[in-house]
C-alpha atoms as a PDB file:
ATOM      1  CA  MET A   1       4.115 -45.828 113.332  1.00  0.00           C
ATOM      2  CA  SER A   2       1.659 -44.145 115.689  1.00  0.00           C
ATOM      3  CA  PHE A   3       0.090 -46.041 118.563  1.00  0.00           C
ATOM      4  CA  GLN A   4      -2.923 -48.256 117.966  1.00  0.00           C
ATOM      5  CA  ILE A   5      -5.431 -49.878 120.321  1.00  0.00           C
ATOM      6  CA  LYS A   6      -6.966 -53.210 119.404  1.00  0.00           C
ATOM      7  CA  GLN A   7      -9.431 -55.455 121.238  1.00  0.00           C
ATOM      8  CA  ILE A   8      -8.949 -59.217 120.955  1.00  0.00           C
ATOM      9  CA  GLN A   9     -11.245 -62.021 122.104  1.00  0.00           C
ATOM     10  CA  ASP A  10      -9.298 -65.245 122.729  1.00  0.00           C
ATOM     11  CA  SER A  11     -11.909 -67.966 122.306  1.00  0.00           C
ATOM     12  CA  GLU A  12      -9.645 -70.769 123.571  1.00  0.00           C
ATOM     13  CA  SER A  13      -8.675 -69.119 126.847  1.00  0.00           C
ATOM     14  CA  ASN A  14     -11.831 -66.989 127.109  1.00  0.00           C
ATOM     15  CA  LEU A  15      -9.689 -63.941 127.743  1.00  0.00           C
ATOM     16  CA  LYS A  16     -10.736 -60.443 126.708  1.00  0.00           C
ATOM     17  CA  VAL A  17      -7.592 -58.596 125.706  1.00  0.00           C
ATOM     18  CA  VAL A  18      -6.751 -55.016 124.857  1.00  0.00           C
ATOM     19  CA  LYS A  19      -3.459 -54.450 123.090  1.00  0.00           C
ATOM     20  CA  ILE A  20      -1.810 -51.027 122.808  1.00  0.00           C
ATOM     21  CA  PHE A  21       1.138 -50.942 120.423  1.00  0.00           C
ATOM     22  CA  ASN A  22       3.372 -49.236 117.897  1.00  0.00           C
ATOM     23  CA  ASP A  23       6.581 -50.390 116.205  1.00  0.00           C
ATOM     24  CA  THR A  24       8.703 -50.509 119.382  1.00  0.00           C
ATOM     25  CA  SER A  25       6.402 -50.546 122.396  1.00  0.00           C
ATOM     26  CA  SER A  26       3.339 -52.523 123.411  1.00  0.00           C
ATOM     27  CA  ALA A  27       1.105 -53.366 126.348  1.00  0.00           C
ATOM     28  CA  LYS A  28      -1.293 -56.298 126.704  1.00  0.00           C
ATOM     29  CA  ILE A  29      -4.103 -55.826 129.223  1.00  0.00           C
ATOM     30  CA  VAL A  30      -6.532 -58.629 130.095  1.00  0.00           C
ATOM     31  CA  LEU A  31      -9.908 -57.087 130.921  1.00  0.00           C
ATOM     32  CA  ASN A  32     -11.398 -60.142 132.636  1.00  0.00           C
ATOM     33  CA  GLN A  33      -8.316 -60.760 134.766  1.00  0.00           C
ATOM     34  CA  GLY A  34      -8.671 -57.551 136.732  1.00  0.00           C
ATOM     35  CA  ALA A  35      -7.431 -55.419 133.797  1.00  0.00           C
ATOM     36  CA  SER A  36      -3.953 -56.719 134.606  1.00  0.00           C
ATOM     37  CA  LEU A  37      -0.944 -55.858 132.458  1.00  0.00           C
ATOM     38  CA  GLN A  38       0.206 -59.248 131.210  1.00  0.00           C
ATOM     39  CA  GLU A  39       2.841 -58.090 128.719  1.00  0.00           C
ATOM     40  CA  LEU A  40       4.866 -54.888 128.390  1.00  0.00           C
ATOM     41  CA  THR A  41       7.602 -53.889 125.946  1.00  0.00           C
ATOM     42  CA  LEU A  42       9.175 -50.416 125.983  1.00  0.00           C
ATOM     43  CA  ASN A  43      11.660 -49.305 123.311  1.00  0.00           C
ATOM     44  CA  SER A  44      11.885 -52.923 122.109  1.00  0.00           C
ATOM     45  CA  ILE A  45      12.840 -54.083 125.635  1.00  0.00           C
ATOM     46  CA  PRO A  46      10.578 -56.820 127.046  1.00  0.00           C
ATOM     47  CA  LEU A  47       9.861 -55.920 130.677  1.00  0.00           C
ATOM     48  CA  ILE A  48       6.777 -57.981 131.512  1.00  0.00           C
ATOM     49  CA  GLN A  49       6.178 -61.345 129.856  1.00  0.00           C
ATOM     50  CA  ASP A  50       3.788 -64.268 130.161  1.00  0.00           C
ATOM     51  CA  LEU A  51       4.718 -66.350 133.229  1.00  0.00           C
ATOM     52  CA  HIS A  52       3.613 -69.667 131.692  1.00  0.00           C
ATOM     53  CA  PRO A  53       3.548 -72.383 132.997  1.00  0.00           C
ATOM     54  CA  LEU A  54       2.739 -70.458 136.197  1.00  0.00           C
ATOM     55  CA  LYS A  55      -0.967 -69.638 136.409  1.00  0.00           C
ATOM     56  CA  TYR A  56      -2.433 -66.187 136.902  1.00  0.00           C
ATOM     57  CA  GLN A  57      -4.593 -67.456 139.771  1.00  0.00           C
ATOM     58  CA  GLU A  58      -1.377 -68.373 141.594  1.00  0.00           C
ATOM     59  CA  THR A  59       0.854 -65.428 140.657  1.00  0.00           C
ATOM     60  CA  TYR A  60      -1.633 -62.507 140.578  1.00  0.00           C
ATOM     61  CA  ALA A  61       0.672 -61.194 137.853  1.00  0.00           C
ATOM     62  CA  SER A  62       0.354 -57.405 137.449  1.00  0.00           C
ATOM     63  CA  SER A  63      -2.983 -57.423 139.257  1.00  0.00           C
ATOM     64  CA  ILE A  64      -4.335 -54.477 141.200  1.00  0.00           C
ATOM     65  CA  LEU A  65      -4.493 -55.432 144.860  1.00  0.00           C
ATOM     66  CA  PHE A  66      -7.638 -53.893 146.359  1.00  0.00           C
ATOM     67  CA  PRO A  67      -9.189 -53.419 148.897  1.00  0.00           C
ATOM     68  CA  PHE A  68      -6.135 -54.967 150.507  1.00  0.00           C
ATOM     69  CA  ALA A  69      -2.622 -55.798 149.403  1.00  0.00           C
ATOM     70  CA  SER A  70      -1.020 -58.990 150.704  1.00  0.00           C
ATOM     71  CA  ARG A  71      -2.809 -60.954 153.420  1.00  0.00           C
ATOM     72  CA  ILE A  72      -5.519 -60.813 156.074  1.00  0.00           C
ATOM     73  CA  GLU A  73      -4.689 -63.381 158.736  1.00  0.00           C
ATOM     74  CA  ASP A  74      -7.374 -66.098 158.774  1.00  0.00           C
ATOM     75  CA  GLY A  75      -9.478 -63.673 156.703  1.00  0.00           C
ATOM     76  CA  ALA A  76     -10.698 -61.983 159.881  1.00  0.00           C
ATOM     77  CA  TYR A  77     -10.616 -58.318 160.857  1.00  0.00           C
ATOM     78  CA  SER A  78     -12.487 -55.713 162.867  1.00  0.00           C
ATOM     79  CA  PHE A  79     -13.535 -52.277 161.602  1.00  0.00           C
ATOM     80  CA  GLU A  80     -15.505 -49.711 163.609  1.00  0.00           C
ATOM     81  CA  ASN A  81     -16.262 -52.356 166.262  1.00  0.00           C
ATOM     82  CA  VAL A  82     -17.730 -54.800 163.759  1.00  0.00           C
ATOM     83  CA  GLN A  83     -16.074 -58.166 163.124  1.00  0.00           C
ATOM     84  CA  TYR A  84     -15.794 -59.381 159.512  1.00  0.00           C
ATOM     85  CA  GLN A  85     -14.791 -62.689 157.936  1.00  0.00           C
ATOM     86  CA  THR A  86     -13.558 -62.606 154.333  1.00  0.00           C
ATOM     87  CA  GLU A  87     -13.249 -65.520 151.945  1.00  0.00           C
ATOM     88  CA  ILE A  88     -10.130 -67.640 152.343  1.00  0.00           C
ATOM     89  CA  ASN A  89      -8.354 -67.920 148.983  1.00  0.00           C
ATOM     90  CA  GLU A  90      -4.892 -68.900 150.244  1.00  0.00           C
ATOM     91  CA  LEU A  91      -5.943 -72.278 151.548  1.00  0.00           C
ATOM     92  CA  GLU A  92      -2.526 -73.587 152.568  1.00  0.00           C
ATOM     93  CA  ARG A  93      -2.037 -70.650 154.966  1.00  0.00           C
ATOM     94  CA  ASN A  94      -5.715 -70.011 155.761  1.00  0.00           C
ATOM     95  CA  ASN A  95      -5.496 -66.364 154.706  1.00  0.00           C
ATOM     96  CA  SER A  96      -7.321 -63.948 152.448  1.00  0.00           C
ATOM     97  CA  LEU A  97      -4.902 -62.784 149.779  1.00  0.00           C
ATOM     98  CA  HIS A  98      -4.677 -59.732 147.492  1.00  0.00           C
ATOM     99  CA  GLY A  99      -8.202 -58.396 147.623  1.00  0.00           C
ATOM    100  CA  PHE A 100     -11.199 -58.846 145.371  1.00  0.00           C
ATOM    101  CA  VAL A 101     -10.642 -57.220 141.966  1.00  0.00           C
ATOM    102  CA  TYR A 102      -7.827 -59.362 140.496  1.00  0.00           C
ATOM    103  CA  ASP A 103     -10.351 -61.639 138.731  1.00  0.00           C
ATOM    104  CA  LYS A 104     -13.049 -59.081 137.909  1.00  0.00           C
ATOM    105  CA  GLU A 105     -13.921 -57.909 134.394  1.00  0.00           C
ATOM    106  CA  PHE A 106     -13.272 -54.259 133.623  1.00  0.00           C
ATOM    107  CA  GLN A 107     -15.022 -52.228 130.944  1.00  0.00           C
ATOM    108  CA  ILE A 108     -13.413 -49.761 128.539  1.00  0.00           C
ATOM    109  CA  ILE A 109     -14.610 -46.264 129.428  1.00  0.00           C
ATOM    110  CA  GLU A 110     -12.354 -44.115 127.287  1.00  0.00           C
ATOM    111  CA  GLN A 111      -9.398 -44.377 124.928  1.00  0.00           C
ATOM    112  CA  GLN A 112      -7.215 -41.777 123.307  1.00  0.00           C
ATOM    113  CA  LEU A 113      -4.518 -41.931 120.664  1.00  0.00           C
ATOM    114  CA  GLU A 114      -1.898 -39.304 119.878  1.00  0.00           C
ATOM    115  CA  SER A 115       1.251 -39.431 117.784  1.00  0.00           C
ATOM    116  CA  ASP A 116       3.494 -40.451 120.697  1.00  0.00           C
ATOM    117  CA  THR A 117       1.029 -41.489 123.419  1.00  0.00           C
ATOM    118  CA  ALA A 118      -1.850 -43.895 123.922  1.00  0.00           C
ATOM    119  CA  SER A 119      -4.143 -43.998 126.927  1.00  0.00           C
ATOM    120  CA  ILE A 120      -7.065 -46.125 127.999  1.00  0.00           C
ATOM    121  CA  VAL A 121      -9.436 -45.871 130.969  1.00  0.00           C
ATOM    122  CA  LEU A 122     -10.910 -49.092 132.379  1.00  0.00           C
ATOM    123  CA  GLU A 123     -13.550 -49.420 135.097  1.00  0.00           C
ATOM    124  CA  TYR A 124     -15.045 -51.981 137.440  1.00  0.00           C
ATOM    125  CA  ASN A 125     -18.142 -51.111 139.445  1.00  0.00           C
ATOM    126  CA  GLU A 126     -18.681 -53.285 142.520  1.00  0.00           C
ATOM    127  CA  THR A 127     -22.376 -53.276 143.443  1.00  0.00           C
ATOM    128  CA  LYS A 128     -22.614 -56.485 145.486  1.00  0.00           C
ATOM    129  CA  LEU A 129     -22.264 -56.580 149.258  1.00  0.00           C
ATOM    130  CA  THR A 130     -20.219 -59.523 150.500  1.00  0.00           C
ATOM    131  CA  LYS A 131     -20.215 -60.840 154.046  1.00  0.00           C
ATOM    132  CA  GLY A 132     -16.551 -60.067 154.554  1.00  0.00           C
ATOM    133  CA  PHE A 133     -16.581 -56.660 152.833  1.00  0.00           C
ATOM    134  CA  PRO A 134     -20.134 -55.245 152.702  1.00  0.00           C
ATOM    135  CA  PHE A 135     -19.185 -52.071 150.847  1.00  0.00           C
ATOM    136  CA  THR A 136     -19.519 -50.904 147.246  1.00  0.00           C
ATOM    137  CA  TYR A 137     -16.991 -49.022 145.188  1.00  0.00           C
ATOM    138  CA  LYS A 138     -15.996 -48.028 141.695  1.00  0.00           C
ATOM    139  CA  ILE A 139     -12.386 -48.480 140.585  1.00  0.00           C
ATOM    140  CA  GLN A 140     -10.855 -46.943 137.465  1.00  0.00           C
ATOM    141  CA  LEU A 141      -7.472 -47.786 135.937  1.00  0.00           C
ATOM    142  CA  THR A 142      -5.821 -45.409 133.473  1.00  0.00           C
ATOM    143  CA  TYR A 143      -2.913 -46.817 131.473  1.00  0.00           C
ATOM    144  CA  VAL A 144      -0.769 -44.322 129.550  1.00  0.00           C
ATOM    145  CA  LEU A 145       1.819 -45.800 127.196  1.00  0.00           C
ATOM    146  CA  GLN A 146       4.747 -43.990 125.572  1.00  0.00           C
ATOM    147  CA  ASN A 147       7.833 -45.386 123.870  1.00  0.00           C
ATOM    148  CA  ASP A 148       9.956 -45.471 127.022  1.00  0.00           C
ATOM    149  CA  SER A 149       7.382 -45.314 129.820  1.00  0.00           C
ATOM    150  CA  LEU A 150       4.112 -46.621 131.150  1.00  0.00           C
ATOM    151  CA  ALA A 151       1.985 -44.866 133.759  1.00  0.00           C
ATOM    152  CA  LEU A 152      -0.800 -46.503 135.716  1.00  0.00           C
ATOM    153  CA  LYS A 153      -3.249 -44.389 137.707  1.00  0.00           C
ATOM    154  CA  VAL A 154      -5.781 -46.015 140.028  1.00  0.00           C
ATOM    155  CA  ASN A 155      -8.823 -44.101 141.211  1.00  0.00           C
ATOM    156  CA  VAL A 156     -11.231 -45.527 143.803  1.00  0.00           C
ATOM    157  CA  LEU A 157     -14.635 -44.064 144.641  1.00  0.00           C
ATOM    158  CA  ASN A 158     -16.584 -45.192 147.708  1.00  0.00           C
ATOM    159  CA  THR A 159     -20.139 -45.629 146.399  1.00  0.00           C
ATOM    160  CA  SER A 160     -21.564 -47.112 149.601  1.00  0.00           C
ATOM    161  CA  ASN A 161     -23.165 -45.254 152.495  1.00  0.00           C
ATOM    162  CA  LYS A 162     -20.479 -46.334 154.972  1.00  0.00           C
ATOM    163  CA  SER A 163     -16.757 -45.779 155.340  1.00  0.00           C
ATOM    164  CA  PHE A 164     -14.463 -48.722 154.671  1.00  0.00           C
ATOM    165  CA  PRO A 165     -10.801 -49.600 155.277  1.00  0.00           C
ATOM    166  CA  PHE A 166      -8.364 -50.304 152.469  1.00  0.00           C
ATOM    167  CA  THR A 167      -4.838 -50.615 151.225  1.00  0.00           C
ATOM    168  CA  ILE A 168      -3.863 -50.841 147.583  1.00  0.00           C
ATOM    169  CA  GLY A 169      -0.987 -52.281 145.595  1.00  0.00           C
ATOM    170  CA  TRP A 170       0.256 -53.443 142.217  1.00  0.00           C
ATOM    171  CA  HIS A 171       1.853 -56.841 141.533  1.00  0.00           C
ATOM    172  CA  PRO A 172       3.993 -56.667 138.347  1.00  0.00           C
ATOM    173  CA  TYR A 173       6.671 -59.265 137.557  1.00  0.00           C
ATOM    174  CA  PHE A 174       9.675 -58.056 135.584  1.00  0.00           C
ATOM    175  CA  THR A 175      11.946 -60.137 133.425  1.00  0.00           C
ATOM    176  CA  SER A 176      15.736 -59.932 133.262  1.00  0.00           C
ATOM    177  CA  SER A 177      18.162 -61.516 130.836  1.00  0.00           C
ATOM    178  CA  ASP A 178      20.141 -62.571 133.925  1.00  0.00           C
ATOM    179  CA  LEU A 179      18.487 -62.065 137.300  1.00  0.00           C
ATOM    180  CA  TYR A 180      21.658 -63.277 139.047  1.00  0.00           C
ATOM    181  CA  LYS A 181      23.456 -60.168 137.771  1.00  0.00           C
ATOM    182  CA  SER A 182      20.568 -57.800 138.454  1.00  0.00           C
ATOM    183  CA  ILE A 183      20.356 -55.257 141.286  1.00  0.00           C
ATOM    184  CA  LEU A 184      17.450 -53.700 143.135  1.00  0.00           C
ATOM    185  CA  LYS A 185      17.963 -50.260 144.726  1.00  0.00           C
ATOM    186  CA  PHE A 186      15.638 -48.375 147.070  1.00  0.00           C
ATOM    187  CA  ASP A 187      15.746 -46.211 150.199  1.00  0.00           C
ATOM    188  CA  SER A 188      14.649 -48.027 153.351  1.00  0.00           C
ATOM    189  CA  ASP A 189      15.680 -48.401 156.993  1.00  0.00           C
ATOM    190  CA  THR A 190      12.881 -50.756 158.093  1.00  0.00           C
ATOM    191  CA  LYS A 191      12.182 -54.349 157.086  1.00  0.00           C
ATOM    192  CA  VAL A 192       9.053 -56.355 157.911  1.00  0.00           C
ATOM    193  CA  LEU A 193       9.387 -59.633 159.804  1.00  0.00           C
ATOM    194  CA  PHE A 194       6.928 -62.400 158.865  1.00  0.00           C
ATOM    195  CA  ASP A 195       5.777 -65.577 160.546  1.00  0.00           C
ATOM    196  CA  LYS A 196       5.596 -68.866 158.656  1.00  0.00           C
ATOM    197  CA  GLY A 197       2.266 -67.849 157.170  1.00  0.00           C
ATOM    198  CA  LEU A 198       3.778 -64.578 155.856  1.00  0.00           C
ATOM    199  CA  ILE A 199       1.771 -62.566 158.366  1.00  0.00           C
ATOM    200  CA  THR A 200       3.527 -59.512 159.842  1.00  0.00           C
ATOM    201  CA  LEU A 201       5.090 -60.221 163.234  1.00  0.00           C
ATOM    202  CA  ASP A 202       7.225 -57.126 163.760  1.00  0.00           C
ATOM    203  CA  THR A 203       9.706 -54.829 162.059  1.00  0.00           C
ATOM    204  CA  GLU A 204      13.458 -54.507 162.338  1.00  0.00           C
ATOM    205  CA  MET A 205      16.043 -51.906 161.402  1.00  0.00           C
ATOM    206  CA  TYR A 206      17.323 -52.426 157.893  1.00  0.00           C
ATOM    207  CA  THR A 207      21.003 -51.470 157.945  1.00  0.00           C
ATOM    208  CA  SER A 208      21.867 -52.345 154.369  1.00  0.00           C
ATOM    209  CA  ASN A 209      22.484 -49.598 151.828  1.00  0.00           C
ATOM    210  CA  SER A 210      19.199 -50.754 150.304  1.00  0.00           C
ATOM    211  CA  GLU A 211      20.951 -52.340 147.354  1.00  0.00           C
ATOM    212  CA  ILE A 212      20.076 -55.960 146.810  1.00  0.00           C
ATOM    213  CA  LYS A 213      22.292 -58.007 144.518  1.00  0.00           C
ATOM    214  CA  ILE A 214      19.762 -60.617 143.648  1.00  0.00           C
ATOM    215  CA  GLU A 215      22.180 -63.383 142.615  1.00  0.00           C
ATOM    216  CA  ASP A 216      20.652 -66.669 143.859  1.00  0.00           C
ATOM    217  CA  GLU A 217      18.508 -65.124 146.604  1.00  0.00           C
ATOM    218  CA  LYS A 218      14.978 -66.454 147.040  1.00  0.00           C
ATOM    219  CA  LEU A 219      13.093 -63.357 148.067  1.00  0.00           C
ATOM    220  CA  ASP A 220       9.724 -62.767 149.703  1.00  0.00           C
ATOM    221  CA  ASP A 221      10.376 -59.591 151.688  1.00  0.00           C
ATOM    222  CA  CYS A 222       8.739 -56.271 152.499  1.00  0.00           C
ATOM    223  CA  TYR A 223      10.288 -52.873 153.270  1.00  0.00           C
ATOM    224  CA  PHE A 224       9.135 -49.439 154.417  1.00  0.00           C
ATOM    225  CA  LEU A 225      10.157 -46.936 151.736  1.00  0.00           C
ATOM    226  CA  ASN A 226      11.723 -43.562 152.538  1.00  0.00           C
ATOM    227  CA  SER A 227      11.427 -42.373 148.950  1.00  0.00           C
ATOM    228  CA  ASN A 228       9.071 -43.018 146.080  1.00  0.00           C
ATOM    229  CA  THR A 229      11.617 -44.397 143.618  1.00  0.00           C
ATOM    230  CA  VAL A 230      12.760 -47.996 143.144  1.00  0.00           C
ATOM    231  CA  GLU A 231      15.486 -48.864 140.628  1.00  0.00           C
ATOM    232  CA  PHE A 232      15.840 -52.271 138.990  1.00  0.00           C
ATOM    233  CA  LYS A 233      19.133 -52.606 137.114  1.00  0.00           C
ATOM    234  CA  THR A 234      19.634 -55.556 134.766  1.00  0.00           C
ATOM    235  CA  PRO A 235      22.388 -56.355 132.236  1.00  0.00           C
ATOM    236  CA  ASN A 236      20.223 -54.925 129.413  1.00  0.00           C
ATOM    237  CA  TYR A 237      18.209 -52.116 130.946  1.00  0.00           C
ATOM    238  CA  THR A 238      17.536 -49.994 134.015  1.00  0.00           C
ATOM    239  CA  LEU A 239      13.951 -49.569 135.147  1.00  0.00           C
ATOM    240  CA  ASN A 240      12.757 -46.846 137.508  1.00  0.00           C
ATOM    241  CA  LEU A 241       9.445 -47.408 139.276  1.00  0.00           C
ATOM    242  CA  ASN A 242       8.023 -44.223 140.785  1.00  0.00           C
ATOM    243  CA  SER A 243       4.981 -43.651 142.967  1.00  0.00           C
ATOM    244  CA  ASP A 244       3.155 -40.441 143.799  1.00  0.00           C
ATOM    245  CA  SER A 245       2.161 -41.855 147.203  1.00  0.00           C
ATOM    246  CA  ASP A 246       3.989 -41.016 150.433  1.00  0.00           C
ATOM    247  CA  ASN A 247       4.535 -43.553 153.227  1.00  0.00           C
ATOM    248  CA  SER A 248       4.563 -46.474 150.828  1.00  0.00           C
ATOM    249  CA  PHE A 249       5.983 -49.964 150.994  1.00  0.00           C
ATOM    250  CA  LEU A 250       7.803 -52.383 148.715  1.00  0.00           C
ATOM    251  CA  GLN A 251       7.214 -56.117 148.465  1.00  0.00           C
ATOM    252  CA  VAL A 252       9.851 -58.144 146.585  1.00  0.00           C
ATOM    253  CA  TYR A 253       9.276 -61.742 145.510  1.00  0.00           C
ATOM    254  CA  THR A 254      11.115 -64.222 143.297  1.00  0.00           C
ATOM    255  CA  PRO A 255       8.675 -66.821 141.918  1.00  0.00           C
ATOM    256  CA  PRO A 256       9.578 -70.375 140.866  1.00  0.00           C
ATOM    257  CA  LYS A 257      10.481 -69.187 137.373  1.00  0.00           C
ATOM    258  CA  GLU A 258      13.934 -68.279 136.115  1.00  0.00           C
ATOM    259  CA  ASN A 259      14.935 -64.625 135.608  1.00  0.00           C
ATOM    260  CA  VAL A 260      11.705 -63.118 136.908  1.00  0.00           C
ATOM    261  CA  ILE A 261      11.082 -60.926 139.947  1.00  0.00           C
ATOM    262  CA  ALA A 262       7.951 -59.298 141.384  1.00  0.00           C
ATOM    263  CA  ILE A 263       8.526 -55.681 142.441  1.00  0.00           C
ATOM    264  CA  GLU A 264       5.313 -54.629 144.167  1.00  0.00           C
ATOM    265  CA  PRO A 265       4.559 -51.076 145.364  1.00  0.00           C
ATOM    266  CA  THR A 266       1.844 -50.992 148.032  1.00  0.00           C
ATOM    267  CA  THR A 267       0.291 -48.607 150.550  1.00  0.00           C
ATOM    268  CA  GLY A 268       0.111 -51.285 153.255  1.00  0.00           C
ATOM    269  CA  ILE A 269       1.740 -54.513 154.407  1.00  0.00           C
ATOM    270  CA  SER A 270       0.666 -58.028 155.301  1.00  0.00           C
ATOM    271  CA  ASN A 271      -2.265 -58.020 157.743  1.00  0.00           C
ATOM    272  CA  SER A 272      -2.746 -54.228 157.564  1.00  0.00           C
ATOM    273  CA  PHE A 273      -6.466 -54.716 158.259  1.00  0.00           C
ATOM    274  CA  ASN A 274      -5.435 -55.853 161.748  1.00  0.00           C
ATOM    275  CA  ASN A 275      -2.082 -54.195 162.500  1.00  0.00           C
ATOM    276  CA  LYS A 276      -3.255 -50.908 160.863  1.00  0.00           C
ATOM    277  CA  ILE A 277       0.163 -50.280 159.235  1.00  0.00           C
ATOM    278  CA  GLY A 278      -0.573 -48.242 156.114  1.00  0.00           C
ATOM    279  CA  LEU A 279      -4.318 -48.760 156.513  1.00  0.00           C
ATOM    280  CA  LYS A 280      -6.490 -45.973 155.119  1.00  0.00           C
ATOM    281  CA  THR A 281     -10.192 -45.216 155.438  1.00  0.00           C
ATOM    282  CA  ILE A 282     -12.381 -43.805 152.702  1.00  0.00           C
ATOM    283  CA  VAL A 283     -15.726 -42.171 153.534  1.00  0.00           C
ATOM    284  CA  PRO A 284     -18.857 -42.297 151.352  1.00  0.00           C
ATOM    285  CA  ASN A 285     -18.517 -40.444 148.025  1.00  0.00           C
ATOM    286  CA  GLN A 286     -14.811 -39.829 148.662  1.00  0.00           C
ATOM    287  CA  GLU A 287     -12.159 -40.695 146.073  1.00  0.00           C
ATOM    288  CA  PHE A 288      -8.623 -41.967 146.488  1.00  0.00           C
ATOM    289  CA  SER A 289      -6.021 -41.898 143.722  1.00  0.00           C
ATOM    290  CA  ILE A 290      -2.530 -43.286 143.328  1.00  0.00           C
ATOM    291  CA  ALA A 291      -0.224 -43.429 140.306  1.00  0.00           C
ATOM    292  CA  TRP A 292       2.830 -45.490 139.428  1.00  0.00           C
ATOM    293  CA  GLN A 293       5.189 -44.893 136.518  1.00  0.00           C
ATOM    294  CA  LEU A 294       7.717 -47.159 134.821  1.00  0.00           C
ATOM    295  CA  GLN A 295      10.594 -45.510 132.958  1.00  0.00           C
ATOM    296  CA  VAL A 296      13.176 -47.581 131.106  1.00  0.00           C
ATOM    297  CA  THR A 297      16.715 -46.875 129.912  1.00  0.00           C
ATOM    298  CA  ASN A 298      18.380 -49.197 127.425  1.00  0.00           C
ATOM    299  CA  HIS A 299      22.015 -50.094 128.119  1.00  0.00           C
ATOM    300  CA  GLN A 300      22.776 -50.978 124.527  1.00  0.00           C
END
């Protein structure tokens, strides 16, 4: 069966869904939840599943994190000698968290079907100036699905007349048949140290071989990456997550749900708008692009 693309309006939840699927692989994208990838199956292997009873507004599951990944301490930052105050959406820690597009509605711009590939381009155009981020931008997401892989390209265009700072990330949660027996591998020699509010304090040398046996660890950690590949090995499959961005970072988080882990590639770390680690600037009419790819191998 060739790939198909179908739009679904869920009247009960008020969600606008796009489903891409064939006999063995499928992707479910929710347009009005930041065009986030809420379900993913490759070669009949479920990789991303609904996190119910956890809520999207609490997990940011598979959301695009822009114009900042992670946190801005107290929502305050300075850029080009101007002080800004963003909305606080992590009330318990008094921080701004994960940017502004995770709850926006994206529009379908283009879709293409071939015998072994399906792709869809989604767009959100920010035209409103907010007090904490008085800049406009256009962000496009391109999802490309094949039987054993999914690619996600993000393209940002600065449509305002001023430069603005940004970092960007992706927040997917992956499922394992047994997270205790799963392993995460990556190349790093630097780990981020957080305070109690998960704001960056410092960094330290990371002397491990960058292999984490997850077992019963409760993780909420961030690492500087020396390479662009992260491997997640479970009893049933091995997943490789690749980025085309240099100088990237990895956030790892185990939520309060069994056999699930967030593996988050980002271009910046907590409080980048203040500590400048990974922070980028985009000038008017300039574009920035980044792409991530998931490739799965079945063990059975």
